[in-house]
Amino acid sequence: MSGEQKTEAKTEQAKGKLKEAAGSVVGNERLTAEGRAEQAKGDAREAKEKVKDTFKH
């Protein structure tokens, strides 16, 4: 996984966790859902990069 893409994936995951936590604290279901979606997007990006790395070697 390239460093830049790995960083993007981790950043998306972290932002999603923050949004989810903030949404839970204030009781905002929309913000919580956005956070979960952003985490999933980061997870998917990370999985894609791992697959690419697997086929490189």
PDB file of N, CA and C in Angstrom:
ATOM      1  N   MET A   1       0.857  -1.165   0.000  1.00  0.00           N
ATOM      2  CA  MET A   1       0.000   0.000   0.000  1.00  0.00           C
ATOM      3  C   MET A   1       0.898   1.222   0.000  1.00  0.00           C
ATOM      4  N   SER A   2       0.624   2.130  -0.894  1.00  0.00           N
ATOM      5  CA  SER A   2       1.450   3.331  -0.916  1.00  0.00           C
ATOM      6  C   SER A   2       1.156   4.171   0.320  1.00  0.00           C
ATOM      7  N   GLY A   3       2.145   4.899   0.750  1.00  0.00           N
ATOM      8  CA  GLY A   3       2.018   5.680   1.972  1.00  0.00           C
ATOM      9  C   GLY A   3       0.904   6.694   1.920  1.00  0.00           C
ATOM     10  N   GLU A   4       0.766   7.361   0.772  1.00  0.00           N
ATOM     11  CA  GLU A   4      -0.249   8.399   0.640  1.00  0.00           C
ATOM     12  C   GLU A   4      -1.660   7.806   0.707  1.00  0.00           C
ATOM     13  N   GLN A   5      -1.878   6.705   0.026  1.00  0.00           N
ATOM     14  CA  GLN A   5      -3.200   6.090   0.023  1.00  0.00           C
ATOM     15  C   GLN A   5      -3.529   5.477   1.376  1.00  0.00           C
ATOM     16  N   LYS A   6      -2.513   4.932   2.043  1.00  0.00           N
ATOM     17  CA  LYS A   6      -2.722   4.377   3.383  1.00  0.00           C
ATOM     18  C   LYS A   6      -3.130   5.502   4.338  1.00  0.00           C
ATOM     19  N   THR A   7      -2.461   6.642   4.213  1.00  0.00           N
ATOM     20  CA  THR A   7      -2.780   7.789   5.056  1.00  0.00           C
ATOM     21  C   THR A   7      -4.200   8.268   4.802  1.00  0.00           C
ATOM     22  N   GLU A   8      -4.608   8.314   3.525  1.00  0.00           N
ATOM     23  CA  GLU A   8      -5.971   8.737   3.199  1.00  0.00           C
ATOM     24  C   GLU A   8      -6.997   7.795   3.828  1.00  0.00           C
ATOM     25  N   ALA A   9      -6.739   6.506   3.742  1.00  0.00           N
ATOM     26  CA  ALA A   9      -7.672   5.523   4.304  1.00  0.00           C
ATOM     27  C   ALA A   9      -7.773   5.691   5.819  1.00  0.00           C
ATOM     28  N   LYS A  10      -6.634   5.824   6.480  1.00  0.00           N
ATOM     29  CA  LYS A  10      -6.634   5.985   7.936  1.00  0.00           C
ATOM     30  C   LYS A  10      -7.306   7.291   8.347  1.00  0.00           C
ATOM     31  N   THR A  11      -7.088   8.349   7.566  1.00  0.00           N
ATOM     32  CA  THR A  11      -7.701   9.645   7.855  1.00  0.00           C
ATOM     33  C   THR A  11      -9.215   9.549   7.746  1.00  0.00           C
ATOM     34  N   GLU A  12      -9.697   8.894   6.687  1.00  0.00           N
ATOM     35  CA  GLU A  12     -11.148   8.719   6.533  1.00  0.00           C
ATOM     36  C   GLU A  12     -11.726   7.923   7.693  1.00  0.00           C
ATOM     37  N   GLN A  13     -11.030   6.886   8.093  1.00  0.00           N
ATOM     38  CA  GLN A  13     -11.513   6.074   9.212  1.00  0.00           C
ATOM     39  C   GLN A  13     -11.573   6.894  10.494  1.00  0.00           C
ATOM     40  N   ALA A  14     -10.534   7.680  10.746  1.00  0.00           N
ATOM     41  CA  ALA A  14     -10.494   8.493  11.967  1.00  0.00           C
ATOM     42  C   ALA A  14     -11.582   9.564  11.954  1.00  0.00           C
ATOM     43  N   LYS A  15     -11.754  10.238  10.812  1.00  0.00           N
ATOM     44  CA  LYS A  15     -12.797  11.256  10.709  1.00  0.00           C
ATOM     45  C   LYS A  15     -14.172  10.635  10.931  1.00  0.00           C
ATOM     46  N   GLY A  16     -14.358   9.450  10.378  1.00  0.00           N
ATOM     47  CA  GLY A  16     -15.636   8.763  10.562  1.00  0.00           C
ATOM     48  C   GLY A  16     -15.899   8.425  12.009  1.00  0.00           C
ATOM     49  N   LYS A  17     -14.868   7.971  12.713  1.00  0.00           N
ATOM     50  CA  LYS A  17     -15.026   7.638  14.131  1.00  0.00           C
ATOM     51  C   LYS A  17     -15.377   8.887  14.933  1.00  0.00           C
ATOM     52  N   LEU A  18     -14.725  10.004  14.606  1.00  0.00           N
ATOM     53  CA  LEU A  18     -15.028  11.252  15.311  1.00  0.00           C
ATOM     54  C   LEU A  18     -16.455  11.695  15.061  1.00  0.00           C
ATOM     55  N   LYS A  19     -16.892  11.634  13.796  1.00  0.00           N
ATOM     56  CA  LYS A  19     -18.264  12.034  13.476  1.00  0.00           C
ATOM     57  C   LYS A  19     -19.267  11.130  14.184  1.00  0.00           C
ATOM     58  N   GLU A  20     -18.989   9.831  14.169  1.00  0.00           N
ATOM     59  CA  GLU A  20     -19.899   8.892  14.823  1.00  0.00           C
ATOM     60  C   GLU A  20     -19.991   9.182  16.315  1.00  0.00           C
ATOM     61  N   ALA A  21     -18.848   9.417  16.951  1.00  0.00           N
ATOM     62  CA  ALA A  21     -18.832   9.710  18.388  1.00  0.00           C
ATOM     63  C   ALA A  21     -19.558  11.022  18.687  1.00  0.00           C
ATOM     64  N   ALA A  22     -19.295  12.039  17.876  1.00  0.00           N
ATOM     65  CA  ALA A  22     -19.957  13.332  18.084  1.00  0.00           C
ATOM     66  C   ALA A  22     -21.465  13.191  17.909  1.00  0.00           C
ATOM     67  N   GLY A  23     -21.876  12.440  16.898  1.00  0.00           N
ATOM     68  CA  GLY A  23     -23.301  12.232  16.673  1.00  0.00           C
ATOM     69  C   GLY A  23     -23.957  11.504  17.827  1.00  0.00           C
ATOM     70  N   SER A  24     -23.248  10.543  18.387  1.00  0.00           N
ATOM     71  CA  SER A  24     -23.790   9.799  19.530  1.00  0.00           C
ATOM     72  C   SER A  24     -23.923  10.691  20.754  1.00  0.00           C
ATOM     73  N   VAL A  25     -22.932  11.535  20.977  1.00  0.00           N
ATOM     74  CA  VAL A  25     -22.945  12.417  22.153  1.00  0.00           C
ATOM     75  C   VAL A  25     -24.103  13.399  22.089  1.00  0.00           C
ATOM     76  N   VAL A  26     -24.316  13.999  20.927  1.00  0.00           N
ATOM     77  CA  VAL A  26     -25.376  15.008  20.830  1.00  0.00           C
ATOM     78  C   VAL A  26     -26.717  14.428  20.398  1.00  0.00           C
ATOM     79  N   GLY A  27     -26.753  13.124  20.127  1.00  0.00           N
ATOM     80  CA  GLY A  27     -28.008  12.487  19.747  1.00  0.00           C
ATOM     81  C   GLY A  27     -28.417  12.761  18.314  1.00  0.00           C
ATOM     82  N   ASN A  28     -27.457  13.044  17.449  1.00  0.00           N
ATOM     83  CA  ASN A  28     -27.740  13.339  16.051  1.00  0.00           C
ATOM     84  C   ASN A  28     -27.516  12.069  15.225  1.00  0.00           C
ATOM     85  N   GLU A  29     -28.599  11.415  14.851  1.00  0.00           N
ATOM     86  CA  GLU A  29     -28.508  10.155  14.105  1.00  0.00           C
ATOM     87  C   GLU A  29     -27.886  10.346  12.720  1.00  0.00           C
ATOM     88  N   ARG A  30     -28.151  11.477  12.084  1.00  0.00           N
ATOM     89  CA  ARG A  30     -27.594  11.734  10.751  1.00  0.00           C
ATOM     90  C   ARG A  30     -26.077  11.809  10.811  1.00  0.00           C
ATOM     91  N   LEU A  31     -25.551  12.501  11.798  1.00  0.00           N
ATOM     92  CA  LEU A  31     -24.107  12.626  11.957  1.00  0.00           C
ATOM     93  C   LEU A  31     -23.487  11.270  12.294  1.00  0.00           C
ATOM     94  N   THR A  32     -24.157  10.502  13.111  1.00  0.00           N
ATOM     95  CA  THR A  32     -23.683   9.159  13.453  1.00  0.00           C
ATOM     96  C   THR A  32     -23.616   8.287  12.194  1.00  0.00           C
ATOM     97  N   ALA A  33     -24.658   8.358  11.373  1.00  0.00           N
ATOM     98  CA  ALA A  33     -24.694   7.571  10.136  1.00  0.00           C
ATOM     99  C   ALA A  33     -23.606   8.022   9.162  1.00  0.00           C
ATOM    100  N   GLU A  34     -23.392   9.332   9.066  1.00  0.00           N
ATOM    101  CA  GLU A  34     -22.320   9.845   8.200  1.00  0.00           C
ATOM    102  C   GLU A  34     -20.962   9.327   8.659  1.00  0.00           C
ATOM    103  N   GLY A  35     -20.767   9.290   9.959  1.00  0.00           N
ATOM    104  CA  GLY A  35     -19.514   8.789  10.510  1.00  0.00           C
ATOM    105  C   GLY A  35     -19.295   7.330  10.177  1.00  0.00           C
ATOM    106  N   ARG A  36     -20.349   6.540  10.314  1.00  0.00           N
ATOM    107  CA  ARG A  36     -20.246   5.110   9.970  1.00  0.00           C
ATOM    108  C   ARG A  36     -19.940   4.925   8.491  1.00  0.00           C
ATOM    109  N   ALA A  37     -20.590   5.737   7.651  1.00  0.00           N
ATOM    110  CA  ALA A  37     -20.362   5.637   6.204  1.00  0.00           C
ATOM    111  C   ALA A  37     -18.928   6.019   5.855  1.00  0.00           C
ATOM    112  N   GLU A  38     -18.420   7.052   6.501  1.00  0.00           N
ATOM    113  CA  GLU A  38     -17.049   7.485   6.228  1.00  0.00           C
ATOM    114  C   GLU A  38     -16.037   6.427   6.677  1.00  0.00           C
ATOM    115  N   GLN A  39     -16.306   5.787   7.797  1.00  0.00           N
ATOM    116  CA  GLN A  39     -15.439   4.699   8.254  1.00  0.00           C
ATOM    117  C   GLN A  39     -15.447   3.556   7.245  1.00  0.00           C
ATOM    118  N   ALA A  40     -16.624   3.218   6.752  1.00  0.00           N
ATOM    119  CA  ALA A  40     -16.745   2.132   5.774  1.00  0.00           C
ATOM    120  C   ALA A  40     -15.992   2.469   4.493  1.00  0.00           C
ATOM    121  N   LYS A  41     -16.055   3.718   4.091  1.00  0.00           N
ATOM    122  CA  LYS A  41     -15.335   4.161   2.901  1.00  0.00           C
ATOM    123  C   LYS A  41     -13.825   4.003   3.105  1.00  0.00           C
ATOM    124  N   GLY A  42     -13.350   4.377   4.263  1.00  0.00           N
ATOM    125  CA  GLY A  42     -11.928   4.213   4.585  1.00  0.00           C
ATOM    126  C   GLY A  42     -11.529   2.758   4.648  1.00  0.00           C
ATOM    127  N   ASP A  43     -12.397   1.923   5.214  1.00  0.00           N
ATOM    128  CA  ASP A  43     -12.135   0.483   5.279  1.00  0.00           C
ATOM    129  C   ASP A  43     -12.053  -0.111   3.878  1.00  0.00           C
ATOM    130  N   ALA A  44     -12.959   0.306   3.002  1.00  0.00           N
ATOM    131  CA  ALA A  44     -12.964  -0.207   1.629  1.00  0.00           C
ATOM    132  C   ALA A  44     -11.697   0.217   0.887  1.00  0.00           C
ATOM    133  N   ARG A  45     -11.285   1.462   1.075  1.00  0.00           N
ATOM    134  CA  ARG A  45     -10.069   1.951   0.422  1.00  0.00           C
ATOM    135  C   ARG A  45      -8.857   1.143   0.903  1.00  0.00           C
ATOM    136  N   GLU A  46      -8.806   0.897   2.199  1.00  0.00           N
ATOM    137  CA  GLU A  46      -7.689   0.140   2.768  1.00  0.00           C
ATOM    138  C   GLU A  46      -7.680  -1.301   2.238  1.00  0.00           C
ATOM    139  N   ALA A  47      -8.852  -1.917   2.157  1.00  0.00           N
ATOM    140  CA  ALA A  47      -8.951  -3.285   1.643  1.00  0.00           C
ATOM    141  C   ALA A  47      -8.511  -3.346   0.185  1.00  0.00           C
ATOM    142  N   LYS A  48      -8.918  -2.362  -0.598  1.00  0.00           N
ATOM    143  CA  LYS A  48      -8.535  -2.318  -2.012  1.00  0.00           C
ATOM    144  C   LYS A  48      -7.025  -2.248  -2.164  1.00  0.00           C
ATOM    145  N   GLU A  49      -6.399  -1.418  -1.358  1.00  0.00           N
ATOM    146  CA  GLU A  49      -4.947  -1.266  -1.434  1.00  0.00           C
ATOM    147  C   GLU A  49      -4.225  -2.551  -0.984  1.00  0.00           C
ATOM    148  N   LYS A  50      -4.783  -3.224  -0.004  1.00  0.00           N
ATOM    149  CA  LYS A  50      -4.172  -4.491   0.444  1.00  0.00           C
ATOM    150  C   LYS A  50      -4.245  -5.539  -0.658  1.00  0.00           C
ATOM    151  N   VAL A  51      -5.363  -5.585  -1.360  1.00  0.00           N
ATOM    152  CA  VAL A  51      -5.508  -6.532  -2.470  1.00  0.00           C
ATOM    153  C   VAL A  51      -4.481  -6.204  -3.560  1.00  0.00           C
ATOM    154  N   LYS A  52      -4.350  -4.928  -3.871  1.00  0.00           N
ATOM    155  CA  LYS A  52      -3.370  -4.525  -4.884  1.00  0.00           C
ATOM    156  C   LYS A  52      -1.962  -4.933  -4.457  1.00  0.00           C
ATOM    157  N   ASP A  53      -1.640  -4.747  -3.188  1.00  0.00           N
ATOM    158  CA  ASP A  53      -0.311  -5.131  -2.688  1.00  0.00           C
ATOM    159  C   ASP A  53      -0.101  -6.634  -2.781  1.00  0.00           C
ATOM    160  N   THR A  54      -1.149  -7.391  -2.520  1.00  0.00           N
ATOM    161  CA  THR A  54      -1.038  -8.848  -2.569  1.00  0.00           C
ATOM    162  C   THR A  54      -0.660  -9.314  -3.970  1.00  0.00           C
ATOM    163  N   PHE A  55      -1.238  -8.702  -4.983  1.00  0.00           N
ATOM    164  CA  PHE A  55      -0.954  -9.124  -6.360  1.00  0.00           C
ATOM    165  C   PHE A  55       0.349  -8.558  -6.893  1.00  0.00           C
ATOM    166  N   LYS A  56       0.900  -7.552  -6.245  1.00  0.00           N
ATOM    167  CA  LYS A  56       2.200  -7.011  -6.650  1.00  0.00           C
ATOM    168  C   LYS A  56       3.322  -7.965  -6.312  1.00  0.00           C
ATOM    169  N   HIS A  57       3.179  -8.705  -5.239  1.00  0.00           N
ATOM    170  CA  HIS A  57       4.283  -9.549  -4.766  1.00  0.00           C
ATOM    171  C   HIS A  57       4.156 -10.925  -5.278  1.00  0.00           C
TER     172      HIS A  57
END
